[in-house]
Amino acid sequence: MKIHHLEPLIDFCLSEKDMTKGSYDLYDIILKQYVSYLKERKILYAKTEDIILYRDRLMKSNYSISWIYITINTIKGFYRYLSLHQRRLGIDEINEFNAADT
């Protein structure tokens, strides 16, 4: 998979949020790493268990608890954004389901 359908949505989502450049850059890194993980595993539409597996991978890679917390909250926020704005963004209806909502 060369380009994941979530990739162009990252910049769009972040550009609509009121945040500092530092926060923007941090969230951008986190979401691009996450999408890279999805691409590696050829996951087009993540399910809750995919996000849990991603979190577990971070834990096994010895990332700090605070980094994992920030990462998961960023991913949750991204999916919440996609769920709320699915129609306006003209993206697949499956994005109306928030995979990170548990």
PDB file of N, CA and C in Angstrom:
ATOM      1  N   MET A   1       0.850  -1.169   0.000  1.00  0.00           N
ATOM      2  CA  MET A   1       0.000   0.000   0.000  1.00  0.00           C
ATOM      3  C   MET A   1       0.898   1.236   0.000  1.00  0.00           C
ATOM      4  N   LYS A   2       0.806   2.008  -1.061  1.00  0.00           N
ATOM      5  CA  LYS A   2       1.665   3.185  -1.182  1.00  0.00           C
ATOM      6  C   LYS A   2       1.154   4.357  -0.339  1.00  0.00           C
ATOM      7  N   ILE A   3      -0.091   4.704  -0.545  1.00  0.00           N
ATOM      8  CA  ILE A   3      -0.679   5.823   0.202  1.00  0.00           C
ATOM      9  C   ILE A   3      -1.925   5.311   0.909  1.00  0.00           C
ATOM     10  N   HIS A   4      -1.985   5.564   2.187  1.00  0.00           N
ATOM     11  CA  HIS A   4      -3.145   5.187   2.985  1.00  0.00           C
ATOM     12  C   HIS A   4      -4.161   6.330   2.914  1.00  0.00           C
ATOM     13  N   HIS A   5      -5.426   5.983   2.893  1.00  0.00           N
ATOM     14  CA  HIS A   5      -6.466   7.019   2.759  1.00  0.00           C
ATOM     15  C   HIS A   5      -6.465   8.012   3.927  1.00  0.00           C
ATOM     16  N   LEU A   6      -5.855   7.661   5.063  1.00  0.00           N
ATOM     17  CA  LEU A   6      -5.806   8.578   6.200  1.00  0.00           C
ATOM     18  C   LEU A   6      -4.709   9.633   6.061  1.00  0.00           C
ATOM     19  N   GLU A   7      -3.705   9.375   5.252  1.00  0.00           N
ATOM     20  CA  GLU A   7      -2.568  10.296   5.150  1.00  0.00           C
ATOM     21  C   GLU A   7      -2.956  11.727   4.799  1.00  0.00           C
ATOM     22  N   PRO A   8      -3.739  11.955   3.752  1.00  0.00           N
ATOM     23  CA  PRO A   8      -4.071  13.347   3.445  1.00  0.00           C
ATOM     24  C   PRO A   8      -4.977  13.997   4.500  1.00  0.00           C
ATOM     25  N   LEU A   9      -5.656  13.179   5.280  1.00  0.00           N
ATOM     26  CA  LEU A   9      -6.565  13.719   6.295  1.00  0.00           C
ATOM     27  C   LEU A   9      -5.819  14.231   7.531  1.00  0.00           C
ATOM     28  N   ILE A  10      -4.595  13.771   7.738  1.00  0.00           N
ATOM     29  CA  ILE A  10      -3.832  14.192   8.916  1.00  0.00           C
ATOM     30  C   ILE A  10      -3.616  15.697   8.885  1.00  0.00           C
ATOM     31  N   ASP A  11      -3.033  16.205   7.794  1.00  0.00           N
ATOM     32  CA  ASP A  11      -2.768  17.637   7.708  1.00  0.00           C
ATOM     33  C   ASP A  11      -4.055  18.447   7.762  1.00  0.00           C
ATOM     34  N   PHE A  12      -5.090  17.947   7.101  1.00  0.00           N
ATOM     35  CA  PHE A  12      -6.364  18.659   7.094  1.00  0.00           C
ATOM     36  C   PHE A  12      -6.936  18.758   8.508  1.00  0.00           C
ATOM     37  N   CYS A  13      -6.935  17.650   9.218  1.00  0.00           N
ATOM     38  CA  CYS A  13      -7.450  17.609  10.591  1.00  0.00           C
ATOM     39  C   CYS A  13      -6.658  18.546  11.493  1.00  0.00           C
ATOM     40  N   LEU A  14      -5.348  18.446  11.441  1.00  0.00           N
ATOM     41  CA  LEU A  14      -4.511  19.258  12.323  1.00  0.00           C
ATOM     42  C   LEU A  14      -4.611  20.742  11.994  1.00  0.00           C
ATOM     43  N   SER A  15      -4.794  21.065  10.721  1.00  0.00           N
ATOM     44  CA  SER A  15      -4.884  22.473  10.337  1.00  0.00           C
ATOM     45  C   SER A  15      -6.158  23.131  10.864  1.00  0.00           C
ATOM     46  N   GLU A  16      -7.173  22.333  11.163  1.00  0.00           N
ATOM     47  CA  GLU A  16      -8.432  22.878  11.677  1.00  0.00           C
ATOM     48  C   GLU A  16      -8.427  23.055  13.195  1.00  0.00           C
ATOM     49  N   LYS A  17      -7.387  22.591  13.841  1.00  0.00           N
ATOM     50  CA  LYS A  17      -7.318  22.693  15.306  1.00  0.00           C
ATOM     51  C   LYS A  17      -6.483  23.902  15.693  1.00  0.00           C
ATOM     52  N   ASP A  18      -6.852  24.512  16.789  1.00  0.00           N
ATOM     53  CA  ASP A  18      -6.123  25.656  17.311  1.00  0.00           C
ATOM     54  C   ASP A  18      -5.033  25.129  18.241  1.00  0.00           C
ATOM     55  N   MET A  19      -3.791  25.119  17.746  1.00  0.00           N
ATOM     56  CA  MET A  19      -2.691  24.581  18.540  1.00  0.00           C
ATOM     57  C   MET A  19      -1.388  25.267  18.150  1.00  0.00           C
ATOM     58  N   THR A  20      -0.402  25.119  19.006  1.00  0.00           N
ATOM     59  CA  THR A  20       0.906  25.692  18.723  1.00  0.00           C
ATOM     60  C   THR A  20       1.603  24.869  17.645  1.00  0.00           C
ATOM     61  N   LYS A  21       2.657  25.437  17.060  1.00  0.00           N
ATOM     62  CA  LYS A  21       3.432  24.712  16.062  1.00  0.00           C
ATOM     63  C   LYS A  21       4.059  23.467  16.670  1.00  0.00           C
ATOM     64  N   GLY A  22       4.497  23.554  17.915  1.00  0.00           N
ATOM     65  CA  GLY A  22       5.092  22.397  18.585  1.00  0.00           C
ATOM     66  C   GLY A  22       4.096  21.256  18.736  1.00  0.00           C
ATOM     67  N   SER A  23       2.865  21.585  19.138  1.00  0.00           N
ATOM     68  CA  SER A  23       1.826  20.561  19.257  1.00  0.00           C
ATOM     69  C   SER A  23       1.474  19.993  17.890  1.00  0.00           C
ATOM     70  N   TYR A  24       1.372  20.864  16.899  1.00  0.00           N
ATOM     71  CA  TYR A  24       1.076  20.413  15.540  1.00  0.00           C
ATOM     72  C   TYR A  24       2.129  19.402  15.082  1.00  0.00           C
ATOM     73  N   ASP A  25       3.388  19.756  15.267  1.00  0.00           N
ATOM     74  CA  ASP A  25       4.478  18.874  14.836  1.00  0.00           C
ATOM     75  C   ASP A  25       4.447  17.538  15.580  1.00  0.00           C
ATOM     76  N   LEU A  26       4.169  17.581  16.879  1.00  0.00           N
ATOM     77  CA  LEU A  26       4.103  16.358  17.682  1.00  0.00           C
ATOM     78  C   LEU A  26       2.967  15.454  17.200  1.00  0.00           C
ATOM     79  N   TYR A  27       1.777  16.011  17.037  1.00  0.00           N
ATOM     80  CA  TYR A  27       0.628  15.223  16.584  1.00  0.00           C
ATOM     81  C   TYR A  27       0.858  14.690  15.178  1.00  0.00           C
ATOM     82  N   ASP A  28       1.490  15.485  14.341  1.00  0.00           N
ATOM     83  CA  ASP A  28       1.797  15.070  12.985  1.00  0.00           C
ATOM     84  C   ASP A  28       2.712  13.840  12.988  1.00  0.00           C
ATOM     85  N   ILE A  29       3.745  13.866  13.804  1.00  0.00           N
ATOM     86  CA  ILE A  29       4.661  12.726  13.923  1.00  0.00           C
ATOM     87  C   ILE A  29       3.919  11.493  14.415  1.00  0.00           C
ATOM     88  N   ILE A  30       3.130  11.666  15.467  1.00  0.00           N
ATOM     89  CA  ILE A  30       2.395  10.536  16.051  1.00  0.00           C
ATOM     90  C   ILE A  30       1.455   9.902  15.031  1.00  0.00           C
ATOM     91  N   LEU A  31       0.679  10.722  14.346  1.00  0.00           N
ATOM     92  CA  LEU A  31      -0.300  10.179  13.393  1.00  0.00           C
ATOM     93  C   LEU A  31       0.369   9.561  12.174  1.00  0.00           C
ATOM     94  N   LYS A  32       1.471  10.126  11.727  1.00  0.00           N
ATOM     95  CA  LYS A  32       2.176   9.536  10.585  1.00  0.00           C
ATOM     96  C   LYS A  32       2.828   8.211  10.965  1.00  0.00           C
ATOM     97  N   GLN A  33       3.327   8.099  12.190  1.00  0.00           N
ATOM     98  CA  GLN A  33       3.866   6.819  12.647  1.00  0.00           C
ATOM     99  C   GLN A  33       2.754   5.773  12.720  1.00  0.00           C
ATOM    100  N   TYR A  34       1.604   6.177  13.216  1.00  0.00           N
ATOM    101  CA  TYR A  34       0.471   5.269  13.318  1.00  0.00           C
ATOM    102  C   TYR A  34       0.023   4.799  11.931  1.00  0.00           C
ATOM    103  N   VAL A  35      -0.115   5.721  10.992  1.00  0.00           N
ATOM    104  CA  VAL A  35      -0.540   5.355   9.639  1.00  0.00           C
ATOM    105  C   VAL A  35       0.517   4.465   8.973  1.00  0.00           C
ATOM    106  N   SER A  36       1.765   4.713   9.265  1.00  0.00           N
ATOM    107  CA  SER A  36       2.829   3.858   8.752  1.00  0.00           C
ATOM    108  C   SER A  36       2.658   2.430   9.264  1.00  0.00           C
ATOM    109  N   TYR A  37       2.293   2.304  10.531  1.00  0.00           N
ATOM    110  CA  TYR A  37       2.006   0.994  11.121  1.00  0.00           C
ATOM    111  C   TYR A  37       0.853   0.313  10.376  1.00  0.00           C
ATOM    112  N   LEU A  38      -0.206   1.067  10.102  1.00  0.00           N
ATOM    113  CA  LEU A  38      -1.348   0.510   9.371  1.00  0.00           C
ATOM    114  C   LEU A  38      -0.929   0.050   7.974  1.00  0.00           C
ATOM    115  N   LYS A  39      -0.108   0.849   7.313  1.00  0.00           N
ATOM    116  CA  LYS A  39       0.354   0.499   5.972  1.00  0.00           C
ATOM    117  C   LYS A  39       1.209  -0.765   5.994  1.00  0.00           C
ATOM    118  N   GLU A  40       2.096  -0.870   6.974  1.00  0.00           N
ATOM    119  CA  GLU A  40       2.956  -2.054   7.088  1.00  0.00           C
ATOM    120  C   GLU A  40       2.125  -3.326   7.188  1.00  0.00           C
ATOM    121  N   ARG A  41       1.009  -3.233   7.888  1.00  0.00           N
ATOM    122  CA  ARG A  41       0.150  -4.392   8.103  1.00  0.00           C
ATOM    123  C   ARG A  41      -1.002  -4.485   7.115  1.00  0.00           C
ATOM    124  N   LYS A  42      -0.997  -3.582   6.148  1.00  0.00           N
ATOM    125  CA  LYS A  42      -2.031  -3.557   5.110  1.00  0.00           C
ATOM    126  C   LYS A  42      -3.438  -3.465   5.713  1.00  0.00           C
ATOM    127  N   ILE A  43      -3.573  -2.592   6.711  1.00  0.00           N
ATOM    128  CA  ILE A  43      -4.856  -2.358   7.368  1.00  0.00           C
ATOM    129  C   ILE A  43      -5.458  -1.096   6.766  1.00  0.00           C
ATOM    130  N   LEU A  44      -6.533  -1.249   6.036  1.00  0.00           N
ATOM    131  CA  LEU A  44      -7.176  -0.097   5.418  1.00  0.00           C
ATOM    132  C   LEU A  44      -8.044   0.645   6.436  1.00  0.00           C
ATOM    133  N   TYR A  45      -8.881  -0.100   7.144  1.00  0.00           N
ATOM    134  CA  TYR A  45      -9.754   0.492   8.162  1.00  0.00           C
ATOM    135  C   TYR A  45      -9.462  -0.186   9.494  1.00  0.00           C
ATOM    136  N   ALA A  46      -8.858   0.547  10.400  1.00  0.00           N
ATOM    137  CA  ALA A  46      -8.471  -0.021  11.692  1.00  0.00           C
ATOM    138  C   ALA A  46      -9.699  -0.317  12.537  1.00  0.00           C
ATOM    139  N   LYS A  47      -9.576  -1.378  13.303  1.00  0.00           N
ATOM    140  CA  LYS A  47     -10.575  -1.728  14.303  1.00  0.00           C
ATOM    141  C   LYS A  47      -9.963  -1.447  15.668  1.00  0.00           C
ATOM    142  N   THR A  48     -10.794  -1.501  16.678  1.00  0.00           N
ATOM    143  CA  THR A  48     -10.311  -1.248  18.037  1.00  0.00           C
ATOM    144  C   THR A  48      -9.130  -2.141  18.374  1.00  0.00           C
ATOM    145  N   GLU A  49      -9.210  -3.413  17.995  1.00  0.00           N
ATOM    146  CA  GLU A  49      -8.116  -4.343  18.323  1.00  0.00           C
ATOM    147  C   GLU A  49      -6.818  -3.977  17.623  1.00  0.00           C
ATOM    148  N   ASP A  50      -6.895  -3.334  16.457  1.00  0.00           N
ATOM    149  CA  ASP A  50      -5.678  -2.884  15.773  1.00  0.00           C
ATOM    150  C   ASP A  50      -4.985  -1.782  16.568  1.00  0.00           C
ATOM    151  N   ILE A  51      -5.776  -0.903  17.135  1.00  0.00           N
ATOM    152  CA  ILE A  51      -5.215   0.180  17.949  1.00  0.00           C
ATOM    153  C   ILE A  51      -4.605  -0.392  19.226  1.00  0.00           C
ATOM    154  N   ILE A  52      -5.262  -1.378  19.799  1.00  0.00           N
ATOM    155  CA  ILE A  52      -4.726  -2.038  20.998  1.00  0.00           C
ATOM    156  C   ILE A  52      -3.403  -2.730  20.671  1.00  0.00           C
ATOM    157  N   LEU A  53      -3.341  -3.395  19.530  1.00  0.00           N
ATOM    158  CA  LEU A  53      -2.095  -4.040  19.118  1.00  0.00           C
ATOM    159  C   LEU A  53      -0.988  -3.016  18.881  1.00  0.00           C
ATOM    160  N   TYR A  54      -1.358  -1.867  18.343  1.00  0.00           N
ATOM    161  CA  TYR A  54      -0.376  -0.796  18.150  1.00  0.00           C
ATOM    162  C   TYR A  54       0.145  -0.309  19.500  1.00  0.00           C
ATOM    163  N   ARG A  55      -0.755  -0.108  20.435  1.00  0.00           N
ATOM    164  CA  ARG A  55      -0.354   0.301  21.787  1.00  0.00           C
ATOM    165  C   ARG A  55       0.577  -0.740  22.408  1.00  0.00           C
ATOM    166  N   ASP A  56       0.228  -2.007  22.269  1.00  0.00           N
ATOM    167  CA  ASP A  56       1.061  -3.081  22.813  1.00  0.00           C
ATOM    168  C   ASP A  56       2.444  -3.095  22.166  1.00  0.00           C
ATOM    169  N   ARG A  57       2.484  -2.813  20.873  1.00  0.00           N
ATOM    170  CA  ARG A  57       3.776  -2.747  20.178  1.00  0.00           C
ATOM    171  C   ARG A  57       4.639  -1.627  20.759  1.00  0.00           C
ATOM    172  N   LEU A  58       4.022  -0.486  21.023  1.00  0.00           N
ATOM    173  CA  LEU A  58       4.767   0.624  21.628  1.00  0.00           C
ATOM    174  C   LEU A  58       5.292   0.238  23.004  1.00  0.00           C
ATOM    175  N   MET A  59       4.459  -0.464  23.767  1.00  0.00           N
ATOM    176  CA  MET A  59       4.884  -0.885  25.106  1.00  0.00           C
ATOM    177  C   MET A  59       6.065  -1.847  25.030  1.00  0.00           C
ATOM    178  N   LYS A  60       6.020  -2.775  24.090  1.00  0.00           N
ATOM    179  CA  LYS A  60       7.106  -3.743  23.928  1.00  0.00           C
ATOM    180  C   LYS A  60       8.384  -3.081  23.420  1.00  0.00           C
ATOM    181  N   SER A  61       8.226  -1.947  22.752  1.00  0.00           N
ATOM    182  CA  SER A  61       9.381  -1.218  22.222  1.00  0.00           C
ATOM    183  C   SER A  61       9.973  -0.266  23.260  1.00  0.00           C
ATOM    184  N   ASN A  62       9.480  -0.372  24.486  1.00  0.00           N
ATOM    185  CA  ASN A  62       9.990   0.409  25.622  1.00  0.00           C
ATOM    186  C   ASN A  62       9.788   1.916  25.508  1.00  0.00           C
ATOM    187  N   TYR A  63       8.721   2.305  24.838  1.00  0.00           N
ATOM    188  CA  TYR A  63       8.350   3.720  24.873  1.00  0.00           C
ATOM    189  C   TYR A  63       7.843   4.033  26.282  1.00  0.00           C
ATOM    190  N   SER A  64       8.000   5.270  26.689  1.00  0.00           N
ATOM    191  CA  SER A  64       7.549   5.645  28.031  1.00  0.00           C
ATOM    192  C   SER A  64       6.026   5.633  28.093  1.00  0.00           C
ATOM    193  N   ILE A  65       5.514   5.458  29.293  1.00  0.00           N
ATOM    194  CA  ILE A  65       4.063   5.467  29.497  1.00  0.00           C
ATOM    195  C   ILE A  65       3.475   6.808  29.067  1.00  0.00           C
ATOM    196  N   SER A  66       4.182   7.887  29.333  1.00  0.00           N
ATOM    197  CA  SER A  66       3.647   9.198  28.946  1.00  0.00           C
ATOM    198  C   SER A  66       3.583   9.338  27.426  1.00  0.00           C
ATOM    199  N   TRP A  67       4.581   8.812  26.702  1.00  0.00           N
ATOM    200  CA  TRP A  67       4.540   8.859  25.237  1.00  0.00           C
ATOM    201  C   TRP A  67       3.375   8.028  24.708  1.00  0.00           C
ATOM    202  N   ILE A  68       3.187   6.853  25.274  1.00  0.00           N
ATOM    203  CA  ILE A  68       2.086   5.984  24.843  1.00  0.00           C
ATOM    204  C   ILE A  68       0.748   6.659  25.128  1.00  0.00           C
ATOM    205  N   TYR A  69       0.623   7.301  26.266  1.00  0.00           N
ATOM    206  CA  TYR A  69      -0.601   8.017  26.635  1.00  0.00           C
ATOM    207  C   TYR A  69      -0.890   9.126  25.611  1.00  0.00           C
ATOM    208  N   ILE A  70       0.118   9.914  25.292  1.00  0.00           N
ATOM    209  CA  ILE A  70      -0.050  11.000  24.323  1.00  0.00           C
ATOM    210  C   ILE A  70      -0.416  10.428  22.953  1.00  0.00           C
ATOM    211  N   THR A  71       0.250   9.349  22.569  1.00  0.00           N
ATOM    212  CA  THR A  71      -0.006   8.721  21.277  1.00  0.00           C
ATOM    213  C   THR A  71      -1.443   8.226  21.172  1.00  0.00           C
ATOM    214  N   ILE A  72      -1.886   7.491  22.167  1.00  0.00           N
ATOM    215  CA  ILE A  72      -3.242   6.936  22.130  1.00  0.00           C
ATOM    216  C   ILE A  72      -4.287   8.052  22.158  1.00  0.00           C
ATOM    217  N   ASN A  73      -4.059   9.074  22.953  1.00  0.00           N
ATOM    218  CA  ASN A  73      -5.014  10.190  22.986  1.00  0.00           C
ATOM    219  C   ASN A  73      -5.044  10.941  21.659  1.00  0.00           C
ATOM    220  N   THR A  74      -3.905  11.051  21.000  1.00  0.00           N
ATOM    221  CA  THR A  74      -3.864  11.698  19.688  1.00  0.00           C
ATOM    222  C   THR A  74      -4.632  10.878  18.664  1.00  0.00           C
ATOM    223  N   ILE A  75      -4.433   9.574  18.684  1.00  0.00           N
ATOM    224  CA  ILE A  75      -5.155   8.683  17.763  1.00  0.00           C
ATOM    225  C   ILE A  75      -6.655   8.741  18.042  1.00  0.00           C
ATOM    226  N   LYS A  76      -7.031   8.734  19.321  1.00  0.00           N
ATOM    227  CA  LYS A  76      -8.452   8.845  19.671  1.00  0.00           C
ATOM    228  C   LYS A  76      -9.052  10.138  19.141  1.00  0.00           C
ATOM    229  N   GLY A  77      -8.326  11.236  19.319  1.00  0.00           N
ATOM    230  CA  GLY A  77      -8.803  12.524  18.833  1.00  0.00           C
ATOM    231  C   GLY A  77      -8.956  12.550  17.317  1.00  0.00           C
ATOM    232  N   PHE A  78      -8.031  11.916  16.638  1.00  0.00           N
ATOM    233  CA  PHE A  78      -8.079  11.850  15.176  1.00  0.00           C
ATOM    234  C   PHE A  78      -9.313  11.082  14.711  1.00  0.00           C
ATOM    235  N   TYR A  79      -9.548   9.926  15.302  1.00  0.00           N
ATOM    236  CA  TYR A  79     -10.726   9.139  14.928  1.00  0.00           C
ATOM    237  C   TYR A  79     -12.023   9.843  15.330  1.00  0.00           C
ATOM    238  N   ARG A  80     -12.019  10.551  16.444  1.00  0.00           N
ATOM    239  CA  ARG A  80     -13.198  11.315  16.849  1.00  0.00           C
ATOM    240  C   ARG A  80     -13.493  12.397  15.796  1.00  0.00           C
ATOM    241  N   TYR A  81     -12.440  13.075  15.344  1.00  0.00           N
ATOM    242  CA  TYR A  81     -12.573  14.097  14.312  1.00  0.00           C
ATOM    243  C   TYR A  81     -13.157  13.487  13.033  1.00  0.00           C
ATOM    244  N   LEU A  82     -12.600  12.352  12.604  1.00  0.00           N
ATOM    245  CA  LEU A  82     -13.096  11.702  11.385  1.00  0.00           C
ATOM    246  C   LEU A  82     -14.549  11.287  11.530  1.00  0.00           C
ATOM    247  N   SER A  83     -14.913  10.786  12.696  1.00  0.00           N
ATOM    248  CA  SER A  83     -16.277  10.351  12.950  1.00  0.00           C
ATOM    249  C   SER A  83     -17.251  11.527  12.892  1.00  0.00           C
ATOM    250  N   LEU A  84     -16.865  12.626  13.502  1.00  0.00           N
ATOM    251  CA  LEU A  84     -17.744  13.805  13.545  1.00  0.00           C
ATOM    252  C   LEU A  84     -17.872  14.505  12.197  1.00  0.00           C
ATOM    253  N   HIS A  85     -16.819  14.438  11.380  1.00  0.00           N
ATOM    254  CA  HIS A  85     -16.786  15.199  10.129  1.00  0.00           C
ATOM    255  C   HIS A  85     -16.789  14.322   8.881  1.00  0.00           C
ATOM    256  N   GLN A  86     -17.166  13.072   9.039  1.00  0.00           N
ATOM    257  CA  GLN A  86     -17.132  12.112   7.934  1.00  0.00           C
ATOM    258  C   GLN A  86     -17.887  12.620   6.707  1.00  0.00           C
ATOM    259  N   ARG A  87     -19.077  13.101   6.890  1.00  0.00           N
ATOM    260  CA  ARG A  87     -19.884  13.559   5.747  1.00  0.00           C
ATOM    261  C   ARG A  87     -19.293  14.809   5.118  1.00  0.00           C
ATOM    262  N   ARG A  88     -18.904  15.762   5.961  1.00  0.00           N
ATOM    263  CA  ARG A  88     -18.344  17.015   5.447  1.00  0.00           C
ATOM    264  C   ARG A  88     -17.062  16.779   4.662  1.00  0.00           C
ATOM    265  N   LEU A  89     -16.262  15.824   5.116  1.00  0.00           N
ATOM    266  CA  LEU A  89     -14.999  15.526   4.447  1.00  0.00           C
ATOM    267  C   LEU A  89     -15.185  14.653   3.210  1.00  0.00           C
ATOM    268  N   GLY A  90     -16.360  14.053   3.074  1.00  0.00           N
ATOM    269  CA  GLY A  90     -16.645  13.204   1.930  1.00  0.00           C
ATOM    270  C   GLY A  90     -15.827  11.922   1.930  1.00  0.00           C
ATOM    271  N   ILE A  91     -15.593  11.389   3.123  1.00  0.00           N
ATOM    272  CA  ILE A  91     -14.822  10.152   3.234  1.00  0.00           C
ATOM    273  C   ILE A  91     -15.770   8.980   3.470  1.00  0.00           C
ATOM    274  N   ASP A  92     -15.253   7.775   3.307  1.00  0.00           N
ATOM    275  CA  ASP A  92     -16.070   6.569   3.425  1.00  0.00           C
ATOM    276  C   ASP A  92     -16.891   6.553   4.708  1.00  0.00           C
ATOM    277  N   GLU A  93     -18.112   6.035   4.598  1.00  0.00           N
ATOM    278  CA  GLU A  93     -19.021   5.974   5.748  1.00  0.00           C
ATOM    279  C   GLU A  93     -18.463   5.158   6.903  1.00  0.00           C
ATOM    280  N   ILE A  94     -17.568   4.245   6.622  1.00  0.00           N
ATOM    281  CA  ILE A  94     -16.988   3.427   7.691  1.00  0.00           C
ATOM    282  C   ILE A  94     -16.261   4.302   8.714  1.00  0.00           C
ATOM    283  N   ASN A  95     -15.843   5.487   8.281  1.00  0.00           N
ATOM    284  CA  ASN A  95     -15.157   6.404   9.195  1.00  0.00           C
ATOM    285  C   ASN A  95     -16.109   7.028  10.205  1.00  0.00           C
ATOM    286  N   GLU A  96     -17.400   6.837  10.003  1.00  0.00           N
ATOM    287  CA  GLU A  96     -18.370   7.320  10.983  1.00  0.00           C
ATOM    288  C   GLU A  96     -18.235   6.519  12.279  1.00  0.00           C
ATOM    289  N   PHE A  97     -17.782   5.279  12.162  1.00  0.00           N
ATOM    290  CA  PHE A  97     -17.505   4.446  13.330  1.00  0.00           C
ATOM    291  C   PHE A  97     -16.149   4.852  13.890  1.00  0.00           C
ATOM    292  N   ASN A  98     -16.109   5.175  15.164  1.00  0.00           N
ATOM    293  CA  ASN A  98     -14.877   5.599  15.792  1.00  0.00           C
ATOM    294  C   ASN A  98     -14.167   4.374  16.362  1.00  0.00           C
ATOM    295  N   ALA A  99     -13.116   3.933  15.683  1.00  0.00           N
ATOM    296  CA  ALA A  99     -12.387   2.720  16.083  1.00  0.00           C
ATOM    297  C   ALA A  99     -11.679   2.866  17.427  1.00  0.00           C
ATOM    298  N   ALA A 100     -11.479   4.080  17.862  1.00  0.00           N
ATOM    299  CA  ALA A 100     -10.757   4.324  19.124  1.00  0.00           C
ATOM    300  C   ALA A 100     -11.709   4.708  20.246  1.00  0.00           C
ATOM    301  N   ASP A 101     -12.979   4.400  20.089  1.00  0.00           N
ATOM    302  CA  ASP A 101     -13.981   4.861  21.046  1.00  0.00           C
ATOM    303  C   ASP A 101     -14.136   3.988  22.289  1.00  0.00           C
ATOM    304  N   THR A 102     -13.252   3.038  22.511  1.00  0.00           N
ATOM    305  CA  THR A 102     -13.362   2.224  23.711  1.00  0.00           C
ATOM    306  C   THR A 102     -12.252   2.534  24.678  1.00  0.00           C
TER     307      THR A 102
END
